[in-house]
PDB file of N, CA and C in Angstrom:
ATOM      1  N   UNK A   1      38.612 -23.312  10.492  1.00  0.00           N
ATOM      2  CA  UNK A   1      38.134 -24.652  10.261  1.00  0.00           C
ATOM      3  C   UNK A   1      38.717 -25.127   8.945  1.00  0.00           C
ATOM      4  N   UNK A   2      39.252 -26.316   8.927  1.00  0.00           N
ATOM      5  CA  UNK A   2      39.819 -26.856   7.701  1.00  0.00           C
ATOM      6  C   UNK A   2      38.708 -27.307   6.770  1.00  0.00           C
ATOM      7  N   UNK A   3      39.056 -27.455   5.488  1.00  0.00           N
ATOM      8  CA  UNK A   3      38.035 -27.859   4.515  1.00  0.00           C
ATOM      9  C   UNK A   3      37.540 -29.270   4.776  1.00  0.00           C
ATOM     10  N   UNK A   4      38.401 -30.141   5.328  1.00  0.00           N
ATOM     11  CA  UNK A   4      37.952 -31.506   5.609  1.00  0.00           C
ATOM     12  C   UNK A   4      36.954 -31.526   6.765  1.00  0.00           C
ATOM     13  N   UNK A   5      37.163 -30.694   7.791  1.00  0.00           N
ATOM     14  CA  UNK A   5      36.201 -30.656   8.894  1.00  0.00           C
ATOM     15  C   UNK A   5      34.906 -29.990   8.456  1.00  0.00           C
ATOM     16  N   UNK A   6      34.993 -29.017   7.534  1.00  0.00           N
ATOM     17  CA  UNK A   6      33.784 -28.395   7.000  1.00  0.00           C
ATOM     18  C   UNK A   6      32.980 -29.407   6.199  1.00  0.00           C
ATOM     19  N   UNK A   7      33.677 -30.245   5.433  1.00  0.00           N
ATOM     20  CA  UNK A   7      33.007 -31.283   4.641  1.00  0.00           C
ATOM     21  C   UNK A   7      32.344 -32.299   5.551  1.00  0.00           C
ATOM     22  N   UNK A   8      33.021 -32.698   6.610  1.00  0.00           N
ATOM     23  CA  UNK A   8      32.451 -33.657   7.566  1.00  0.00           C
ATOM     24  C   UNK A   8      31.207 -33.047   8.220  1.00  0.00           C
ATOM     25  N   UNK A   9      31.297 -31.778   8.615  1.00  0.00           N
ATOM     26  CA  UNK A   9      30.157 -31.095   9.217  1.00  0.00           C
ATOM     27  C   UNK A   9      28.991 -31.010   8.251  1.00  0.00           C
ATOM     28  N   UNK A  10      29.298 -30.765   6.983  1.00  0.00           N
ATOM     29  CA  UNK A  10      28.264 -30.684   5.960  1.00  0.00           C
ATOM     30  C   UNK A  10      27.596 -32.045   5.761  1.00  0.00           C
ATOM     31  N   UNK A  11      28.379 -33.079   5.766  1.00  0.00           N
ATOM     32  CA  UNK A  11      27.828 -34.436   5.596  1.00  0.00           C
ATOM     33  C   UNK A  11      26.938 -34.790   6.779  1.00  0.00           C
ATOM     34  N   UNK A  12      27.361 -34.405   7.974  1.00  0.00           N
ATOM     35  CA  UNK A  12      26.539 -34.667   9.165  1.00  0.00           C
ATOM     36  C   UNK A  12      25.212 -33.920   9.077  1.00  0.00           C
ATOM     37  N   UNK A  13      25.284 -32.664   8.654  1.00  0.00           N
ATOM     38  CA  UNK A  13      24.060 -31.865   8.520  1.00  0.00           C
ATOM     39  C   UNK A  13      23.140 -32.486   7.479  1.00  0.00           C
ATOM     40  N   UNK A  14      23.713 -32.959   6.372  1.00  0.00           N
ATOM     41  CA  UNK A  14      22.912 -33.619   5.333  1.00  0.00           C
ATOM     42  C   UNK A  14      22.187 -34.837   5.897  1.00  0.00           C
ATOM     43  N   UNK A  15      22.905 -35.658   6.655  1.00  0.00           N
ATOM     44  CA  UNK A  15      22.300 -36.865   7.242  1.00  0.00           C
ATOM     45  C   UNK A  15      21.193 -36.497   8.228  1.00  0.00           C
ATOM     46  N   UNK A  16      21.441 -35.498   9.060  1.00  0.00           N
ATOM     47  CA  UNK A  16      20.429 -35.082  10.040  1.00  0.00           C
ATOM     48  C   UNK A  16      19.177 -34.554   9.350  1.00  0.00           C
ATOM     49  N   UNK A  17      19.350 -33.770   8.332  1.00  0.00           N
ATOM     50  CA  UNK A  17      18.195 -33.242   7.595  1.00  0.00           C
ATOM     51  C   UNK A  17      17.429 -34.379   6.933  1.00  0.00           C
ATOM     52  N   UNK A  18      18.160 -35.324   6.363  1.00  0.00           N
ATOM     53  CA  UNK A  18      17.508 -36.459   5.714  1.00  0.00           C
ATOM     54  C   UNK A  18      16.699 -37.271   6.728  1.00  0.00           C
ATOM     55  N   UNK A  19      17.286 -37.539   7.886  1.00  0.00           N
ATOM     56  CA  UNK A  19      16.569 -38.302   8.929  1.00  0.00           C
ATOM     57  C   UNK A  19      15.337 -37.543   9.422  1.00  0.00           C
ATOM     58  N   UNK A  20      15.448 -36.222   9.501  1.00  0.00           N
ATOM     59  CA  UNK A  20      14.341 -35.404   9.996  1.00  0.00           C
ATOM     60  C   UNK A  20      13.281 -35.167   8.913  1.00  0.00           C
ATOM     61  N   UNK A  21      13.630 -35.491   7.676  1.00  0.00           N
ATOM     62  CA  UNK A  21      12.678 -35.304   6.592  1.00  0.00           C
ATOM     63  C   UNK A  21      12.508 -33.854   6.175  1.00  0.00           C
ATOM     64  N   UNK A  22      13.554 -33.051   6.374  1.00  0.00           N
ATOM     65  CA  UNK A  22      13.510 -31.642   5.976  1.00  0.00           C
ATOM     66  C   UNK A  22      14.616 -31.372   4.961  1.00  0.00           C
ATOM     67  N   UNK A  23      14.396 -30.338   4.159  1.00  0.00           N
ATOM     68  CA  UNK A  23      15.429 -30.014   3.184  1.00  0.00           C
ATOM     69  C   UNK A  23      16.554 -29.239   3.857  1.00  0.00           C
ATOM     70  N   UNK A  24      17.715 -29.328   3.294  1.00  0.00           N
ATOM     71  CA  UNK A  24      18.897 -28.658   3.829  1.00  0.00           C
ATOM     72  C   UNK A  24      18.891 -27.206   3.386  1.00  0.00           C
ATOM     73  N   UNK A  25      19.095 -26.308   4.318  1.00  0.00           N
ATOM     74  CA  UNK A  25      19.166 -24.886   4.021  1.00  0.00           C
ATOM     75  C   UNK A  25      20.535 -24.390   4.480  1.00  0.00           C
ATOM     76  N   UNK A  26      21.237 -23.746   3.575  1.00  0.00           N
ATOM     77  CA  UNK A  26      22.544 -23.188   3.938  1.00  0.00           C
ATOM     78  C   UNK A  26      22.346 -21.927   4.783  1.00  0.00           C
ATOM     79  N   UNK A  27      23.258 -21.658   5.668  1.00  0.00           N
ATOM     80  CA  UNK A  27      23.176 -20.460   6.502  1.00  0.00           C
ATOM     81  C   UNK A  27      23.105 -19.223   5.603  1.00  0.00           C
ATOM     82  N   UNK A  28      23.863 -19.221   4.524  1.00  0.00           N
ATOM     83  CA  UNK A  28      23.860 -18.072   3.610  1.00  0.00           C
ATOM     84  C   UNK A  28      22.457 -17.821   3.046  1.00  0.00           C
ATOM     85  N   UNK A  29      21.698 -18.895   2.802  1.00  0.00           N
ATOM     86  CA  UNK A  29      20.336 -18.731   2.269  1.00  0.00           C
ATOM     87  C   UNK A  29      19.452 -17.941   3.221  1.00  0.00           C
ATOM     88  N   UNK A  30      19.734 -18.013   4.511  1.00  0.00           N
ATOM     89  CA  UNK A  30      18.912 -17.289   5.474  1.00  0.00           C
ATOM     90  C   UNK A  30      19.079 -15.780   5.333  1.00  0.00           C
ATOM     91  N   UNK A  31      20.207 -15.333   4.782  1.00  0.00           N
ATOM     92  CA  UNK A  31      20.398 -13.896   4.534  1.00  0.00           C
ATOM     93  C   UNK A  31      19.416 -13.414   3.473  1.00  0.00           C
ATOM     94  N   UNK A  32      19.219 -14.218   2.427  1.00  0.00           N
ATOM     95  CA  UNK A  32      18.250 -13.870   1.387  1.00  0.00           C
ATOM     96  C   UNK A  32      16.836 -13.850   1.978  1.00  0.00           C
ATOM     97  N   UNK A  33      16.546 -14.844   2.814  1.00  0.00           N
ATOM     98  CA  UNK A  33      15.233 -14.909   3.454  1.00  0.00           C
ATOM     99  C   UNK A  33      15.007 -13.682   4.316  1.00  0.00           C
ATOM    100  N   UNK A  34      16.007 -13.319   5.103  1.00  0.00           N
ATOM    101  CA  UNK A  34      15.904 -12.139   5.967  1.00  0.00           C
ATOM    102  C   UNK A  34      15.648 -10.888   5.130  1.00  0.00           C
ATOM    103  N   UNK A  35      16.399 -10.701   4.062  1.00  0.00           N
ATOM    104  CA  UNK A  35      16.233  -9.522   3.212  1.00  0.00           C
ATOM    105  C   UNK A  35      14.831  -9.481   2.619  1.00  0.00           C
ATOM    106  N   UNK A  36      14.343 -10.610   2.173  1.00  0.00           N
ATOM    107  CA  UNK A  36      13.013 -10.665   1.566  1.00  0.00           C
ATOM    108  C   UNK A  36      11.913 -10.405   2.590  1.00  0.00           C
ATOM    109  N   UNK A  37      12.078 -10.951   3.789  1.00  0.00           N
ATOM    110  CA  UNK A  37      11.094 -10.707   4.837  1.00  0.00           C
ATOM    111  C   UNK A  37      11.081  -9.242   5.247  1.00  0.00           C
ATOM    112  N   UNK A  38      12.250  -8.628   5.329  1.00  0.00           N
ATOM    113  CA  UNK A  38      12.313  -7.202   5.660  1.00  0.00           C
ATOM    114  C   UNK A  38      11.595  -6.373   4.591  1.00  0.00           C
ATOM    115  N   UNK A  39      11.775  -6.733   3.325  1.00  0.00           N
ATOM    116  CA  UNK A  39      11.092  -6.022   2.237  1.00  0.00           C
ATOM    117  C   UNK A  39       9.584  -6.221   2.344  1.00  0.00           C
ATOM    118  N   UNK A  40       9.160  -7.446   2.641  1.00  0.00           N
ATOM    119  CA  UNK A  40       7.726  -7.738   2.771  1.00  0.00           C
ATOM    120  C   UNK A  40       7.106  -6.979   3.936  1.00  0.00           C
ATOM    121  N   UNK A  41       7.912  -6.679   4.954  1.00  0.00           N
ATOM    122  CA  UNK A  41       7.440  -5.922   6.107  1.00  0.00           C
ATOM    123  C   UNK A  41       7.572  -4.415   5.898  1.00  0.00           C
ATOM    124  N   UNK A  42       7.947  -4.025   4.690  1.00  0.00           N
ATOM    125  CA  UNK A  42       8.105  -2.611   4.326  1.00  0.00           C
ATOM    126  C   UNK A  42       9.149  -1.893   5.173  1.00  0.00           C
ATOM    127  N   UNK A  43      10.201  -2.610   5.554  1.00  0.00           N
ATOM    128  CA  UNK A  43      11.317  -1.986   6.268  1.00  0.00           C
ATOM    129  C   UNK A  43      12.097  -1.158   5.244  1.00  0.00           C
ATOM    130  N   UNK A  44      12.467   0.043   5.635  1.00  0.00           N
ATOM    131  CA  UNK A  44      13.209   0.924   4.728  1.00  0.00           C
ATOM    132  C   UNK A  44      14.480   0.211   4.251  1.00  0.00           C
ATOM    133  N   UNK A  45      14.796   0.306   2.953  1.00  0.00           N
ATOM    134  CA  UNK A  45      15.970  -0.384   2.409  1.00  0.00           C
ATOM    135  C   UNK A  45      17.281  -0.060   3.118  1.00  0.00           C
ATOM    136  N   UNK A  46      17.448   1.176   3.568  1.00  0.00           N
ATOM    137  CA  UNK A  46      18.695   1.534   4.284  1.00  0.00           C
ATOM    138  C   UNK A  46      18.803   0.783   5.616  1.00  0.00           C
ATOM    139  N   UNK A  47      17.685   0.601   6.283  1.00  0.00           N
ATOM    140  CA  UNK A  47      17.697  -0.140   7.546  1.00  0.00           C
ATOM    141  C   UNK A  47      17.982  -1.611   7.260  1.00  0.00           C
ATOM    142  N   UNK A  48      17.364  -2.163   6.207  1.00  0.00           N
ATOM    143  CA  UNK A  48      17.646  -3.550   5.816  1.00  0.00           C
ATOM    144  C   UNK A  48      19.130  -3.713   5.494  1.00  0.00           C
ATOM    145  N   UNK A  49      19.693  -2.744   4.801  1.00  0.00           N
ATOM    146  CA  UNK A  49      21.114  -2.773   4.462  1.00  0.00           C
ATOM    147  C   UNK A  49      21.968  -2.837   5.728  1.00  0.00           C
ATOM    148  N   UNK A  50      21.592  -2.066   6.740  1.00  0.00           N
ATOM    149  CA  UNK A  50      22.335  -2.074   8.001  1.00  0.00           C
ATOM    150  C   UNK A  50      22.195  -3.412   8.722  1.00  0.00           C
ATOM    151  N   UNK A  51      20.989  -3.960   8.745  1.00  0.00           N
ATOM    152  CA  UNK A  51      20.758  -5.244   9.408  1.00  0.00           C
ATOM    153  C   UNK A  51      21.593  -6.333   8.756  1.00  0.00           C
ATOM    154  N   UNK A  52      21.647  -6.315   7.421  1.00  0.00           N
ATOM    155  CA  UNK A  52      22.384  -7.338   6.680  1.00  0.00           C
ATOM    156  C   UNK A  52      23.877  -7.038   6.604  1.00  0.00           C
ATOM    157  N   UNK A  53      24.276  -5.874   7.111  1.00  0.00           N
ATOM    158  CA  UNK A  53      25.680  -5.465   7.163  1.00  0.00           C
ATOM    159  C   UNK A  53      26.297  -5.334   5.773  1.00  0.00           C
ATOM    160  N   UNK A  54      25.499  -4.817   4.815  1.00  0.00           N
ATOM    161  CA  UNK A  54      26.013  -4.565   3.474  1.00  0.00           C
ATOM    162  C   UNK A  54      26.594  -3.167   3.420  1.00  0.00           C
ATOM    163  N   UNK A  55      27.601  -2.980   2.585  1.00  0.00           N
ATOM    164  CA  UNK A  55      28.196  -1.650   2.444  1.00  0.00           C
ATOM    165  C   UNK A  55      27.547  -0.858   1.319  1.00  0.00           C
ATOM    166  N   UNK A  56      26.794  -1.539   0.439  1.00  0.00           N
ATOM    167  CA  UNK A  56      26.137  -0.863  -0.679  1.00  0.00           C
ATOM    168  C   UNK A  56      24.670  -1.262  -0.758  1.00  0.00           C
ATOM    169  N   UNK A  57      23.813  -0.279  -0.956  1.00  0.00           N
ATOM    170  CA  UNK A  57      22.378  -0.518  -1.036  1.00  0.00           C
ATOM    171  C   UNK A  57      22.038  -1.414  -2.229  1.00  0.00           C
ATOM    172  N   UNK A  58      22.806  -1.309  -3.309  1.00  0.00           N
ATOM    173  CA  UNK A  58      22.538  -2.113  -4.505  1.00  0.00           C
ATOM    174  C   UNK A  58      22.651  -3.609  -4.202  1.00  0.00           C
ATOM    175  N   UNK A  59      23.588  -3.993  -3.356  1.00  0.00           N
ATOM    176  CA  UNK A  59      23.739  -5.407  -2.997  1.00  0.00           C
ATOM    177  C   UNK A  59      22.482  -5.878  -2.271  1.00  0.00           C
ATOM    178  N   UNK A  60      22.014  -5.077  -1.343  1.00  0.00           N
ATOM    179  CA  UNK A  60      20.813  -5.438  -0.584  1.00  0.00           C
ATOM    180  C   UNK A  60      19.607  -5.565  -1.501  1.00  0.00           C
ATOM    181  N   UNK A  61      19.393  -4.587  -2.357  1.00  0.00           N
ATOM    182  CA  UNK A  61      18.175  -4.531  -3.149  1.00  0.00           C
ATOM    183  C   UNK A  61      18.200  -5.408  -4.395  1.00  0.00           C
ATOM    184  N   UNK A  62      19.348  -5.544  -5.036  1.00  0.00           N
ATOM    185  CA  UNK A  62      19.404  -6.265  -6.305  1.00  0.00           C
ATOM    186  C   UNK A  62      19.818  -7.728  -6.163  1.00  0.00           C
ATOM    187  N   UNK A  63      20.588  -8.045  -5.146  1.00  0.00           N
ATOM    188  CA  UNK A  63      21.082  -9.416  -5.006  1.00  0.00           C
ATOM    189  C   UNK A  63      20.305 -10.190  -3.945  1.00  0.00           C
ATOM    190  N   UNK A  64      20.062  -9.568  -2.795  1.00  0.00           N
ATOM    191  CA  UNK A  64      19.490 -10.297  -1.665  1.00  0.00           C
ATOM    192  C   UNK A  64      17.974 -10.226  -1.559  1.00  0.00           C
ATOM    193  N   UNK A  65      17.374  -9.143  -1.964  1.00  0.00           N
ATOM    194  CA  UNK A  65      15.946  -8.943  -1.747  1.00  0.00           C
ATOM    195  C   UNK A  65      15.133  -9.493  -2.909  1.00  0.00           C
ATOM    196  N   UNK A  66      14.211 -10.370  -2.591  1.00  0.00           N
ATOM    197  CA  UNK A  66      13.299 -10.937  -3.572  1.00  0.00           C
ATOM    198  C   UNK A  66      11.904 -10.489  -3.156  1.00  0.00           C
ATOM    199  N   UNK A  67      11.359  -9.489  -3.855  1.00  0.00           N
ATOM    200  CA  UNK A  67      10.088  -8.886  -3.464  1.00  0.00           C
ATOM    201  C   UNK A  67       8.948  -9.832  -3.811  1.00  0.00           C
ATOM    202  N   UNK A  68       8.135 -10.161  -2.812  1.00  0.00           N
ATOM    203  CA  UNK A  68       7.044 -11.102  -3.061  1.00  0.00           C
ATOM    204  C   UNK A  68       5.870 -10.445  -3.789  1.00  0.00           C
ATOM    205  N   UNK A  69       5.137 -11.265  -4.497  1.00  0.00           N
ATOM    206  CA  UNK A  69       3.927 -10.789  -5.174  1.00  0.00           C
ATOM    207  C   UNK A  69       2.813 -10.614  -4.147  1.00  0.00           C
ATOM    208  N   UNK A  70       1.706 -10.053  -4.575  1.00  0.00           N
ATOM    209  CA  UNK A  70       0.548  -9.885  -3.683  1.00  0.00           C
ATOM    210  C   UNK A  70       0.069 -11.246  -3.180  1.00  0.00           C
ATOM    211  N   UNK A  71       0.094 -12.260  -4.050  1.00  0.00           N
ATOM    212  CA  UNK A  71      -0.312 -13.606  -3.628  1.00  0.00           C
ATOM    213  C   UNK A  71       0.628 -14.156  -2.556  1.00  0.00           C
ATOM    214  N   UNK A  72       1.917 -13.894  -2.736  1.00  0.00           N
ATOM    215  CA  UNK A  72       2.889 -14.364  -1.749  1.00  0.00           C
ATOM    216  C   UNK A  72       2.650 -13.689  -0.405  1.00  0.00           C
ATOM    217  N   UNK A  73       2.380 -12.401  -0.428  1.00  0.00           N
ATOM    218  CA  UNK A  73       2.103 -11.677   0.825  1.00  0.00           C
ATOM    219  C   UNK A  73       0.863 -12.244   1.515  1.00  0.00           C
ATOM    220  N   UNK A  74      -0.170 -12.545   0.726  1.00  0.00           N
ATOM    221  CA  UNK A  74      -1.405 -13.108   1.291  1.00  0.00           C
ATOM    222  C   UNK A  74      -1.105 -14.440   1.974  1.00  0.00           C
ATOM    223  N   UNK A  75      -0.325 -15.275   1.321  1.00  0.00           N
ATOM    224  CA  UNK A  75       0.019 -16.577   1.890  1.00  0.00           C
ATOM    225  C   UNK A  75       0.896 -16.410   3.132  1.00  0.00           C
ATOM    226  N   UNK A  76       1.815 -15.446   3.115  1.00  0.00           N
ATOM    227  CA  UNK A  76       2.655 -15.206   4.295  1.00  0.00           C
ATOM    228  C   UNK A  76       1.821 -14.755   5.491  1.00  0.00           C
ATOM    229  N   UNK A  77       0.804 -13.909   5.244  1.00  0.00           N
ATOM    230  CA  UNK A  77      -0.090 -13.500   6.337  1.00  0.00           C
ATOM    231  C   UNK A  77      -0.840 -14.707   6.891  1.00  0.00           C
ATOM    232  N   UNK A  78      -1.312 -15.538   5.978  1.00  0.00           N
ATOM    233  CA  UNK A  78      -2.035 -16.747   6.386  1.00  0.00           C
ATOM    234  C   UNK A  78      -1.110 -17.664   7.197  1.00  0.00           C
ATOM    235  N   UNK A  79       0.134 -17.806   6.756  1.00  0.00           N
ATOM    236  CA  UNK A  79       1.112 -18.625   7.485  1.00  0.00           C
ATOM    237  C   UNK A  79       1.367 -18.044   8.873  1.00  0.00           C
ATOM    238  N   UNK A  80       1.501 -16.716   8.954  1.00  0.00           N
ATOM    239  CA  UNK A  80       1.714 -16.064  10.243  1.00  0.00           C
ATOM    240  C   UNK A  80       0.579 -16.346  11.206  1.00  0.00           C
ATOM    241  N   UNK A  81      -0.650 -16.277  10.714  1.00  0.00           N
ATOM    242  CA  UNK A  81      -1.810 -16.581  11.562  1.00  0.00           C
ATOM    243  C   UNK A  81      -1.802 -18.039  11.993  1.00  0.00           C
ATOM    244  N   UNK A  82      -1.441 -18.939  11.065  1.00  0.00           N
ATOM    245  CA  UNK A  82      -1.397 -20.369  11.389  1.00  0.00           C
ATOM    246  C   UNK A  82      -0.327 -20.674  12.430  1.00  0.00           C
ATOM    247  N   UNK A  83       0.736 -19.883  12.436  1.00  0.00           N
ATOM    248  CA  UNK A  83       1.824 -20.095  13.396  1.00  0.00           C
ATOM    249  C   UNK A  83       1.593 -19.354  14.708  1.00  0.00           C
ATOM    250  N   UNK A  84       0.425 -18.789  14.869  1.00  0.00           N
ATOM    251  CA  UNK A  84       0.110 -18.130  16.134  1.00  0.00           C
ATOM    252  C   UNK A  84      -0.042 -16.641  16.017  1.00  0.00           C
ATOM    253  N   UNK A  85       0.453 -16.075  14.938  1.00  0.00           N
ATOM    254  CA  UNK A  85       0.308 -14.639  14.714  1.00  0.00           C
ATOM    255  C   UNK A  85       0.588 -13.830  15.954  1.00  0.00           C
ATOM    256  N   UNK A  86      -0.298 -12.902  16.245  1.00  0.00           N
ATOM    257  CA  UNK A  86      -0.099 -12.035  17.406  1.00  0.00           C
ATOM    258  C   UNK A  86      -1.071 -12.363  18.527  1.00  0.00           C
ATOM    259  N   UNK A  87      -1.614 -13.567  18.515  1.00  0.00           N
ATOM    260  CA  UNK A  87      -2.546 -13.947  19.582  1.00  0.00           C
ATOM    261  C   UNK A  87      -1.799 -14.527  20.775  1.00  0.00           C
ATOM    262  N   UNK A  88      -2.301 -14.212  21.955  1.00  0.00           N
ATOM    263  CA  UNK A  88      -1.766 -14.798  23.176  1.00  0.00           C
ATOM    264  C   UNK A  88      -2.450 -16.133  23.404  1.00  0.00           C
ATOM    265  N   UNK A  89      -1.974 -16.901  24.402  1.00  0.00           N
ATOM    266  CA  UNK A  89      -2.534 -18.213  24.688  1.00  0.00           C
ATOM    267  C   UNK A  89      -4.017 -18.160  25.012  1.00  0.00           C
ATOM    268  N   UNK A  90      -4.481 -17.073  25.648  1.00  0.00           N
ATOM    269  CA  UNK A  90      -5.891 -16.985  26.014  1.00  0.00           C
ATOM    270  C   UNK A  90      -6.773 -16.533  24.844  1.00  0.00           C
ATOM    271  N   UNK A  91      -6.166 -16.357  23.653  1.00  0.00           N
ATOM    272  CA  UNK A  91      -6.925 -16.003  22.464  1.00  0.00           C
ATOM    273  C   UNK A  91      -7.073 -14.515  22.236  1.00  0.00           C
ATOM    274  N   UNK A  92      -6.606 -13.690  23.175  1.00  0.00           N
ATOM    275  CA  UNK A  92      -6.701 -12.242  23.004  1.00  0.00           C
ATOM    276  C   UNK A  92      -5.534 -11.754  22.164  1.00  0.00           C
ATOM    277  N   UNK A  93      -5.818 -10.730  21.391  1.00  0.00           N
ATOM    278  CA  UNK A  93      -4.762 -10.141  20.567  1.00  0.00           C
ATOM    279  C   UNK A  93      -3.829  -9.326  21.443  1.00  0.00           C
ATOM    280  N   UNK A  94      -2.546  -9.407  21.138  1.00  0.00           N
ATOM    281  CA  UNK A  94      -1.564  -8.579  21.812  1.00  0.00           C
ATOM    282  C   UNK A  94      -1.631  -7.174  21.236  1.00  0.00           C
ATOM    283  N   UNK A  95      -1.359  -6.195  22.057  1.00  0.00           N
ATOM    284  CA  UNK A  95      -1.292  -4.825  21.565  1.00  0.00           C
ATOM    285  C   UNK A  95      -0.016  -4.632  20.773  1.00  0.00           C
ATOM    286  N   UNK A  96      -0.102  -3.878  19.683  1.00  0.00           N
ATOM    287  CA  UNK A  96       1.091  -3.624  18.890  1.00  0.00           C
ATOM    288  C   UNK A  96       1.911  -2.559  19.583  1.00  0.00           C
ATOM    289  N   UNK A  97       3.214  -2.781  19.617  1.00  0.00           N
ATOM    290  CA  UNK A  97       4.120  -1.807  20.195  1.00  0.00           C
ATOM    291  C   UNK A  97       4.650  -0.935  19.076  1.00  0.00           C
ATOM    292  N   UNK A  98       4.454   0.347  19.226  1.00  0.00           N
ATOM    293  CA  UNK A  98       4.930   1.273  18.206  1.00  0.00           C
ATOM    294  C   UNK A  98       6.444   1.380  18.289  1.00  0.00           C
ATOM    295  N   UNK A  99       7.085   1.277  17.117  1.00  0.00           N
ATOM    296  CA  UNK A  99       8.529   1.418  17.057  1.00  0.00           C
ATOM    297  C   UNK A  99       8.859   2.677  16.283  1.00  0.00           C
ATOM    298  N   UNK A 100       9.716   3.476  16.847  1.00  0.00           N
ATOM    299  CA  UNK A 100      10.102   4.713  16.190  1.00  0.00           C
ATOM    300  C   UNK A 100      11.595   4.714  15.972  1.00  0.00           C
ATOM    301  N   UNK A 101      12.009   5.375  14.893  1.00  0.00           N
ATOM    302  CA  UNK A 101      13.435   5.490  14.640  1.00  0.00           C
ATOM    303  C   UNK A 101      14.027   6.460  15.651  1.00  0.00           C
ATOM    304  N   UNK A 102      15.209   6.166  16.116  1.00  0.00           N
ATOM    305  CA  UNK A 102      15.866   7.035  17.090  1.00  0.00           C
ATOM    306  C   UNK A 102      16.215   8.376  16.453  1.00  0.00           C
ATOM    307  N   UNK A 103      16.180   9.418  17.263  1.00  0.00           N
ATOM    308  CA  UNK A 103      16.473  10.747  16.724  1.00  0.00           C
ATOM    309  C   UNK A 103      17.886  10.883  16.167  1.00  0.00           C
ATOM    310  N   UNK A 104      18.825  10.039  16.639  1.00  0.00           N
ATOM    311  CA  UNK A 104      20.188  10.160  16.152  1.00  0.00           C
ATOM    312  C   UNK A 104      20.345   9.511  14.778  1.00  0.00           C
ATOM    313  N   UNK A 105      19.246   8.890  14.254  1.00  0.00           N
ATOM    314  CA  UNK A 105      19.251   8.361  12.896  1.00  0.00           C
ATOM    315  C   UNK A 105      20.113   7.140  12.687  1.00  0.00           C
ATOM    316  N   UNK A 106      20.379   6.364  13.756  1.00  0.00           N
ATOM    317  CA  UNK A 106      21.229   5.195  13.580  1.00  0.00           C
ATOM    318  C   UNK A 106      20.496   4.000  12.989  1.00  0.00           C
ATOM    319  N   UNK A 107      19.190   4.111  12.757  1.00  0.00           N
ATOM    320  CA  UNK A 107      18.438   3.064  12.098  1.00  0.00           C
ATOM    321  C   UNK A 107      17.936   1.973  13.024  1.00  0.00           C
ATOM    322  N   UNK A 108      18.384   1.967  14.267  1.00  0.00           N
ATOM    323  CA  UNK A 108      17.911   0.958  15.199  1.00  0.00           C
ATOM    324  C   UNK A 108      16.536   1.330  15.697  1.00  0.00           C
ATOM    325  N   UNK A 109      15.747   0.332  16.009  1.00  0.00           N
ATOM    326  CA  UNK A 109      14.384   0.563  16.457  1.00  0.00           C
ATOM    327  C   UNK A 109      14.306   0.488  17.964  1.00  0.00           C
ATOM    328  N   UNK A 110      13.478   1.332  18.554  1.00  0.00           N
ATOM    329  CA  UNK A 110      13.215   1.301  19.984  1.00  0.00           C
ATOM    330  C   UNK A 110      11.809   0.781  20.226  1.00  0.00           C
ATOM    331  N   UNK A 111      11.600   0.042  21.326  1.00  0.00           N
ATOM    332  CA  UNK A 111      10.247  -0.397  21.650  1.00  0.00           C
ATOM    333  C   UNK A 111       9.380   0.761  22.073  1.00  0.00           C
TER     334      UNK A 111
END
């Protein structure tokens, strides 16, 4: 993609966000969000590193991961519940599916 088409695409995205009344978020920013959410979910740093496709753990932990405070975690739980959490439409809680690391140690999770 040429820089002029990237600029045009960026301008279009800016206009769409403005019309929708939402702030513009760069795709790159979502990597930081993903890293922080993985940390908040207590995902092992090596697994987070693999998900984010980093070659060094220091990049994952020092640059991308922003560890939330206890207050932030409380608010995130509250937000999760407000967004539907783990409740089904009939109001019953869904059963949690246990995820275990594969024996071959590749870091991927199985249902």
